[in-house]
Amino acid sequence: MLKLNQITKQYKAGKPIFSNITREFKPGKGYGLVGPNGSGKTTFLRVLSVNSFPTSGSVMFKDLDIHQHPVQYLKHVGLVHDEETLPRHLTASELLEWIVRSRKLWKDGDSSDQINALLDKLALEERDEPIGTYSTGMKKKTQIAAAFIVEPDILIMDEPLRGLDQSTREIVFKMIVEAKSKKTLILMASHSMRSVNEIFDEIVKFPL
């Protein structure tokens, strides 16, 4: 569960991006963030993924203040950012191995098979080429694989379907639905109306 306690985010003098938000996001639920560009969706997700600090207030995951204990918190989180922030000189396979090893989840043999199976599902044939050579769609597939490989408690995704072909979108939809069935909390900004019925239990409209 994520619990927000009077969260405010303001970059400069004037009107805040959002203010005094107090609410809970529950395990196994899907929350869709909708609203026009510039309405605060990405900023909100950046706060929940500790890429940004709130101006005031706190966000709790279980007993952790996520901004005071980001390392412990992020062990439970899978992230798909709107920006392409991936190490250019690693391959997709190497990136996923590094993520699994960094969270001390590596199992000889089993983890390699799990990585290959996930990349097969996403049809990322270029898994052993440097990420810097990837197209936009290939980078998005890599981001999605990186988010799902550790079977996180929370998935935070900003437009995860952007840049994907239709067949890959179908696969990712199914992956999200399956994760939700395993009690993963889904927080996702998306313009896809299909997501409303299949993934989201609640729509969070921006600006807040």
C-alpha atoms as a PDB file:
ATOM      1  CA  MET A   1       0.000   0.000   0.000  1.00  0.00           C
ATOM      2  CA  LEU A   2       1.102   3.560  -0.739  1.00  0.00           C
ATOM      3  CA  LYS A   3      -0.232   6.225   1.573  1.00  0.00           C
ATOM      4  CA  LEU A   4       0.065   9.896   0.640  1.00  0.00           C
ATOM      5  CA  ASN A   5      -0.071  12.407   3.476  1.00  0.00           C
ATOM      6  CA  GLN A   6      -0.807  16.002   2.368  1.00  0.00           C
ATOM      7  CA  ILE A   7       1.524  15.891  -0.626  1.00  0.00           C
ATOM      8  CA  THR A   8       2.271  19.210  -2.324  1.00  0.00           C
ATOM      9  CA  LYS A   9       4.614  19.809  -5.267  1.00  0.00           C
ATOM     10  CA  GLN A  10       5.581  23.302  -6.332  1.00  0.00           C
ATOM     11  CA  TYR A  11       8.516  24.273  -8.554  1.00  0.00           C
ATOM     12  CA  LYS A  12       8.342  28.049  -8.188  1.00  0.00           C
ATOM     13  CA  ALA A  13       6.264  30.813  -6.696  1.00  0.00           C
ATOM     14  CA  GLY A  14       2.650  30.671  -7.768  1.00  0.00           C
ATOM     15  CA  LYS A  15       0.185  27.842  -8.196  1.00  0.00           C
ATOM     16  CA  PRO A  16       1.494  24.384  -7.150  1.00  0.00           C
ATOM     17  CA  ILE A  17       1.369  21.424  -9.540  1.00  0.00           C
ATOM     18  CA  PHE A  18      -0.810  19.692  -6.929  1.00  0.00           C
ATOM     19  CA  SER A  19      -1.389  20.359  -3.243  1.00  0.00           C
ATOM     20  CA  ASN A  20      -2.437  18.668   0.002  1.00  0.00           C
ATOM     21  CA  ILE A  21      -3.161  15.257  -1.536  1.00  0.00           C
ATOM     22  CA  THR A  22      -4.064  12.640   1.058  1.00  0.00           C
ATOM     23  CA  ARG A  23      -5.099   9.219  -0.216  1.00  0.00           C
ATOM     24  CA  GLU A  24      -4.200   5.524  -0.383  1.00  0.00           C
ATOM     25  CA  PHE A  25      -3.325   3.248  -3.297  1.00  0.00           C
ATOM     26  CA  LYS A  26      -4.036  -0.408  -2.520  1.00  0.00           C
ATOM     27  CA  PRO A  27      -2.347  -3.683  -3.583  1.00  0.00           C
ATOM     28  CA  GLY A  28      -3.952  -5.503  -6.483  1.00  0.00           C
ATOM     29  CA  LYS A  29      -5.665  -2.357  -7.757  1.00  0.00           C
ATOM     30  CA  GLY A  30      -5.115  -0.462 -10.992  1.00  0.00           C
ATOM     31  CA  TYR A  31      -5.123   3.342 -10.963  1.00  0.00           C
ATOM     32  CA  GLY A  32      -5.240   5.211 -14.251  1.00  0.00           C
ATOM     33  CA  LEU A  33      -3.865   8.734 -14.388  1.00  0.00           C
ATOM     34  CA  VAL A  34      -5.586  10.796 -17.078  1.00  0.00           C
ATOM     35  CA  GLY A  35      -5.448  14.437 -18.078  1.00  0.00           C
ATOM     36  CA  PRO A  36      -4.003  16.819 -20.660  1.00  0.00           C
ATOM     37  CA  ASN A  37      -0.282  17.324 -21.183  1.00  0.00           C
ATOM     38  CA  GLY A  38       1.159  19.540 -18.464  1.00  0.00           C
ATOM     39  CA  SER A  39      -1.559  18.647 -15.948  1.00  0.00           C
ATOM     40  CA  GLY A  40       0.878  17.033 -13.474  1.00  0.00           C
ATOM     41  CA  LYS A  41       0.656  13.286 -14.230  1.00  0.00           C
ATOM     42  CA  THR A  42       4.359  12.806 -14.888  1.00  0.00           C
ATOM     43  CA  THR A  43       5.352  14.965 -11.912  1.00  0.00           C
ATOM     44  CA  PHE A  44       3.041  12.921  -9.688  1.00  0.00           C
ATOM     45  CA  LEU A  45       4.594   9.639 -10.865  1.00  0.00           C
ATOM     46  CA  ARG A  46       8.089  11.081 -10.433  1.00  0.00           C
ATOM     47  CA  VAL A  47       7.274  11.830  -6.784  1.00  0.00           C
ATOM     48  CA  LEU A  48       5.974   8.282  -6.254  1.00  0.00           C
ATOM     49  CA  SER A  49       9.081   6.815  -7.893  1.00  0.00           C
ATOM     50  CA  VAL A  50      11.402   9.062  -5.795  1.00  0.00           C
ATOM     51  CA  ASN A  51      12.769  10.783  -8.904  1.00  0.00           C
ATOM     52  CA  SER A  52      11.419  13.955  -7.338  1.00  0.00           C
ATOM     53  CA  PHE A  53      10.786  15.105  -3.770  1.00  0.00           C
ATOM     54  CA  PRO A  54       7.499  16.615  -2.623  1.00  0.00           C
ATOM     55  CA  THR A  55       7.625  20.241  -1.538  1.00  0.00           C
ATOM     56  CA  SER A  56       5.763  19.153   1.584  1.00  0.00           C
ATOM     57  CA  GLY A  57       4.065  16.028   2.903  1.00  0.00           C
ATOM     58  CA  SER A  58       5.161  12.402   2.873  1.00  0.00           C
ATOM     59  CA  VAL A  59       4.585   9.143   0.996  1.00  0.00           C
ATOM     60  CA  MET A  60       4.620   5.913   2.989  1.00  0.00           C
ATOM     61  CA  PHE A  61       5.102   2.369   1.698  1.00  0.00           C
ATOM     62  CA  LYS A  62       4.216   0.104   4.609  1.00  0.00           C
ATOM     63  CA  ASP A  63       6.356   1.623   7.398  1.00  0.00           C
ATOM     64  CA  LEU A  64       8.854   3.346   5.078  1.00  0.00           C
ATOM     65  CA  ASP A  65       8.906   7.007   4.199  1.00  0.00           C
ATOM     66  CA  ILE A  66       9.912   6.455   0.560  1.00  0.00           C
ATOM     67  CA  HIS A  67      11.920   9.679   0.251  1.00  0.00           C
ATOM     68  CA  GLN A  68      13.896   8.972   3.406  1.00  0.00           C
ATOM     69  CA  HIS A  69      14.527   5.319   2.481  1.00  0.00           C
ATOM     70  CA  PRO A  70      14.582   5.244  -1.339  1.00  0.00           C
ATOM     71  CA  VAL A  71      16.854   2.202  -1.720  1.00  0.00           C
ATOM     72  CA  GLN A  72      14.681  -0.019   0.458  1.00  0.00           C
ATOM     73  CA  TYR A  73      11.523   1.240  -1.251  1.00  0.00           C
ATOM     74  CA  LEU A  74      12.733   0.846  -4.838  1.00  0.00           C
ATOM     75  CA  LYS A  75      13.485  -2.838  -4.235  1.00  0.00           C
ATOM     76  CA  HIS A  76       9.701  -3.264  -4.385  1.00  0.00           C
ATOM     77  CA  VAL A  77       9.092  -1.103  -7.458  1.00  0.00           C
ATOM     78  CA  GLY A  78       9.122  -1.608 -11.228  1.00  0.00           C
ATOM     79  CA  LEU A  79       9.398   1.620 -13.254  1.00  0.00           C
ATOM     80  CA  VAL A  80       8.630   2.569 -16.838  1.00  0.00           C
ATOM     81  CA  HIS A  81       9.525   6.224 -17.353  1.00  0.00           C
ATOM     82  CA  ASP A  82       8.257   8.408 -20.166  1.00  0.00           C
ATOM     83  CA  GLU A  83      11.862   9.333 -20.936  1.00  0.00           C
ATOM     84  CA  GLU A  84      14.420   6.913 -22.328  1.00  0.00           C
ATOM     85  CA  THR A  85      16.859   6.675 -19.436  1.00  0.00           C
ATOM     86  CA  LEU A  86      18.766   3.476 -20.142  1.00  0.00           C
ATOM     87  CA  PRO A  87      22.514   2.702 -20.089  1.00  0.00           C
ATOM     88  CA  ARG A  88      23.562   2.899 -23.743  1.00  0.00           C
ATOM     89  CA  HIS A  89      26.519   0.534 -23.551  1.00  0.00           C
ATOM     90  CA  LEU A  90      24.755  -2.377 -21.861  1.00  0.00           C
ATOM     91  CA  THR A  91      22.649  -4.904 -23.732  1.00  0.00           C
ATOM     92  CA  ALA A  92      19.083  -5.618 -22.641  1.00  0.00           C
ATOM     93  CA  SER A  93      20.190  -8.995 -21.281  1.00  0.00           C
ATOM     94  CA  GLU A  94      23.007  -7.396 -19.284  1.00  0.00           C
ATOM     95  CA  LEU A  95      20.699  -4.714 -17.888  1.00  0.00           C
ATOM     96  CA  LEU A  96      18.153  -7.248 -16.668  1.00  0.00           C
ATOM     97  CA  GLU A  97      20.887  -9.398 -15.135  1.00  0.00           C
ATOM     98  CA  TRP A  98      22.295  -6.358 -13.327  1.00  0.00           C
ATOM     99  CA  ILE A  99      18.825  -5.492 -11.959  1.00  0.00           C
ATOM    100  CA  VAL A 100      18.209  -9.013 -10.666  1.00  0.00           C
ATOM    101  CA  ARG A 101      21.697  -9.280  -9.132  1.00  0.00           C
ATOM    102  CA  SER A 102      21.478  -5.822  -7.545  1.00  0.00           C
ATOM    103  CA  ARG A 103      18.322  -6.899  -5.707  1.00  0.00           C
ATOM    104  CA  LYS A 104      20.053 -10.122  -4.604  1.00  0.00           C
ATOM    105  CA  LEU A 105      17.517 -12.279  -6.452  1.00  0.00           C
ATOM    106  CA  TRP A 106      19.889 -14.010  -8.856  1.00  0.00           C
ATOM    107  CA  LYS A 107      19.627 -17.796  -9.121  1.00  0.00           C
ATOM    108  CA  ASP A 108      22.139 -19.547 -11.368  1.00  0.00           C
ATOM    109  CA  GLY A 109      20.416 -20.996 -14.397  1.00  0.00           C
ATOM    110  CA  ASP A 110      16.890 -20.042 -13.366  1.00  0.00           C
ATOM    111  CA  SER A 111      17.400 -16.282 -13.606  1.00  0.00           C
ATOM    112  CA  SER A 112      18.991 -16.491 -17.054  1.00  0.00           C
ATOM    113  CA  ASP A 113      16.058 -18.573 -18.257  1.00  0.00           C
ATOM    114  CA  GLN A 114      13.612 -16.085 -16.745  1.00  0.00           C
ATOM    115  CA  ILE A 115      15.314 -13.166 -18.515  1.00  0.00           C
ATOM    116  CA  ASN A 116      15.311 -14.940 -21.870  1.00  0.00           C
ATOM    117  CA  ALA A 117      11.676 -15.985 -21.475  1.00  0.00           C
ATOM    118  CA  LEU A 118      10.622 -12.388 -20.733  1.00  0.00           C
ATOM    119  CA  LEU A 119      12.578 -10.983 -23.677  1.00  0.00           C
ATOM    120  CA  ASP A 120      11.125 -13.723 -25.903  1.00  0.00           C
ATOM    121  CA  LYS A 121       7.622 -12.729 -24.801  1.00  0.00           C
ATOM    122  CA  LEU A 122       8.349  -9.120 -25.783  1.00  0.00           C
ATOM    123  CA  ALA A 123      10.006 -10.265 -29.041  1.00  0.00           C
ATOM    124  CA  LEU A 124      13.212  -8.359 -28.317  1.00  0.00           C
ATOM    125  CA  GLU A 125      15.510 -10.191 -30.699  1.00  0.00           C
ATOM    126  CA  GLU A 126      18.266  -7.572 -30.300  1.00  0.00           C
ATOM    127  CA  ARG A 127      18.792  -8.409 -26.618  1.00  0.00           C
ATOM    128  CA  ASP A 128      22.555  -8.892 -27.062  1.00  0.00           C
ATOM    129  CA  GLU A 129      23.148  -5.629 -28.935  1.00  0.00           C
ATOM    130  CA  PRO A 130      24.001  -2.358 -27.105  1.00  0.00           C
ATOM    131  CA  ILE A 131      20.897  -0.448 -26.014  1.00  0.00           C
ATOM    132  CA  GLY A 132      22.327   2.674 -27.665  1.00  0.00           C
ATOM    133  CA  THR A 133      21.620   1.069 -31.051  1.00  0.00           C
ATOM    134  CA  TYR A 134      17.940   0.366 -30.269  1.00  0.00           C
ATOM    135  CA  SER A 135      14.917   2.006 -31.844  1.00  0.00           C
ATOM    136  CA  THR A 136      12.353   3.794 -29.664  1.00  0.00           C
ATOM    137  CA  GLY A 137      10.138   0.702 -29.594  1.00  0.00           C
ATOM    138  CA  MET A 138      13.045  -1.562 -28.622  1.00  0.00           C
ATOM    139  CA  LYS A 139      14.008   0.786 -25.789  1.00  0.00           C
ATOM    140  CA  LYS A 140      10.419   0.758 -24.533  1.00  0.00           C
ATOM    141  CA  LYS A 141      10.419  -3.053 -24.576  1.00  0.00           C
ATOM    142  CA  THR A 142      13.649  -2.994 -22.555  1.00  0.00           C
ATOM    143  CA  GLN A 143      12.129  -0.599 -20.011  1.00  0.00           C
ATOM    144  CA  ILE A 144       9.088  -2.831 -19.641  1.00  0.00           C
ATOM    145  CA  ALA A 145      11.219  -5.958 -19.226  1.00  0.00           C
ATOM    146  CA  ALA A 146      13.325  -4.163 -16.599  1.00  0.00           C
ATOM    147  CA  ALA A 147      10.164  -3.200 -14.684  1.00  0.00           C
ATOM    148  CA  PHE A 148       8.668  -6.698 -14.709  1.00  0.00           C
ATOM    149  CA  ILE A 149      11.747  -8.904 -14.241  1.00  0.00           C
ATOM    150  CA  VAL A 150      11.716  -8.702 -10.434  1.00  0.00           C
ATOM    151  CA  GLU A 151       7.942  -9.231 -10.071  1.00  0.00           C
ATOM    152  CA  PRO A 152       7.537  -5.965  -8.114  1.00  0.00           C
ATOM    153  CA  ASP A 153       4.906  -5.089  -5.529  1.00  0.00           C
ATOM    154  CA  ILE A 154       4.306  -1.761  -7.309  1.00  0.00           C
ATOM    155  CA  LEU A 155       4.393  -0.912 -11.015  1.00  0.00           C
ATOM    156  CA  ILE A 156       4.712   2.793 -11.819  1.00  0.00           C
ATOM    157  CA  MET A 157       4.360   3.410 -15.552  1.00  0.00           C
ATOM    158  CA  ASP A 158       4.205   6.625 -17.536  1.00  0.00           C
ATOM    159  CA  GLU A 159       2.730   5.933 -21.005  1.00  0.00           C
ATOM    160  CA  PRO A 160       4.240   2.419 -21.193  1.00  0.00           C
ATOM    161  CA  LEU A 161       2.510   1.601 -24.501  1.00  0.00           C
ATOM    162  CA  ARG A 162       3.869   4.598 -26.412  1.00  0.00           C
ATOM    163  CA  GLY A 163       6.102   3.538 -29.300  1.00  0.00           C
ATOM    164  CA  LEU A 164       4.968  -0.106 -29.283  1.00  0.00           C
ATOM    165  CA  ASP A 165       3.355  -1.979 -32.161  1.00  0.00           C
ATOM    166  CA  GLN A 166      -0.125  -3.396 -31.691  1.00  0.00           C
ATOM    167  CA  SER A 167       0.966  -6.992 -31.052  1.00  0.00           C
ATOM    168  CA  THR A 168       3.409  -5.887 -28.338  1.00  0.00           C
ATOM    169  CA  ARG A 169       0.724  -3.699 -26.762  1.00  0.00           C
ATOM    170  CA  GLU A 170      -1.498  -6.754 -26.459  1.00  0.00           C
ATOM    171  CA  ILE A 171       1.309  -8.659 -24.752  1.00  0.00           C
ATOM    172  CA  VAL A 172       2.028  -5.825 -22.318  1.00  0.00           C
ATOM    173  CA  PHE A 173      -1.687  -5.506 -21.486  1.00  0.00           C
ATOM    174  CA  LYS A 174      -1.724  -9.174 -20.541  1.00  0.00           C
ATOM    175  CA  MET A 175       1.443  -8.766 -18.458  1.00  0.00           C
ATOM    176  CA  ILE A 176      -0.123  -5.893 -16.519  1.00  0.00           C
ATOM    177  CA  VAL A 177      -3.364  -7.786 -15.930  1.00  0.00           C
ATOM    178  CA  GLU A 178      -1.405 -10.827 -14.723  1.00  0.00           C
ATOM    179  CA  ALA A 179       0.697  -8.705 -12.359  1.00  0.00           C
ATOM    180  CA  LYS A 180      -2.458  -7.120 -10.963  1.00  0.00           C
ATOM    181  CA  SER A 181      -3.945 -10.582 -10.341  1.00  0.00           C
ATOM    182  CA  LYS A 182      -0.892 -11.293  -8.161  1.00  0.00           C
ATOM    183  CA  LYS A 183      -1.693  -8.234  -5.989  1.00  0.00           C
ATOM    184  CA  THR A 184       0.708  -5.824  -7.677  1.00  0.00           C
ATOM    185  CA  LEU A 185      -0.329  -2.186  -7.306  1.00  0.00           C
ATOM    186  CA  ILE A 186      -0.597  -0.551 -10.754  1.00  0.00           C
ATOM    187  CA  LEU A 187      -0.139   3.206 -11.211  1.00  0.00           C
ATOM    188  CA  MET A 188      -0.225   4.102 -14.886  1.00  0.00           C
ATOM    189  CA  ALA A 189      -0.619   7.169 -17.050  1.00  0.00           C
ATOM    190  CA  SER A 190      -2.185   6.125 -20.345  1.00  0.00           C
ATOM    191  CA  HIS A 191      -4.285   7.536 -23.168  1.00  0.00           C
ATOM    192  CA  SER A 192      -5.612   4.085 -24.103  1.00  0.00           C
ATOM    193  CA  MET A 193      -9.338   3.835 -23.434  1.00  0.00           C
ATOM    194  CA  ARG A 194      -9.124   0.049 -23.429  1.00  0.00           C
ATOM    195  CA  SER A 195      -7.029   0.258 -20.279  1.00  0.00           C
ATOM    196  CA  VAL A 196      -9.967   1.788 -18.419  1.00  0.00           C
ATOM    197  CA  ASN A 197     -11.937  -1.444 -18.583  1.00  0.00           C
ATOM    198  CA  GLU A 198      -9.190  -4.055 -18.402  1.00  0.00           C
ATOM    199  CA  ILE A 199      -6.657  -2.577 -15.998  1.00  0.00           C
ATOM    200  CA  PHE A 200      -7.994   0.398 -14.057  1.00  0.00           C
ATOM    201  CA  ASP A 201     -10.228   0.099 -11.013  1.00  0.00           C
ATOM    202  CA  GLU A 202     -10.151   3.843 -10.514  1.00  0.00           C
ATOM    203  CA  ILE A 203      -9.399   6.865 -12.681  1.00  0.00           C
ATOM    204  CA  VAL A 204      -7.383   9.714 -11.144  1.00  0.00           C
ATOM    205  CA  LYS A 205      -8.095  12.873 -13.129  1.00  0.00           C
ATOM    206  CA  PHE A 206      -5.503  15.618 -13.515  1.00  0.00           C
ATOM    207  CA  PRO A 207      -5.059  18.396 -12.662  1.00  0.00           C
ATOM    208  CA  LEU A 208      -5.735  17.311  -9.088  1.00  0.00           C
END
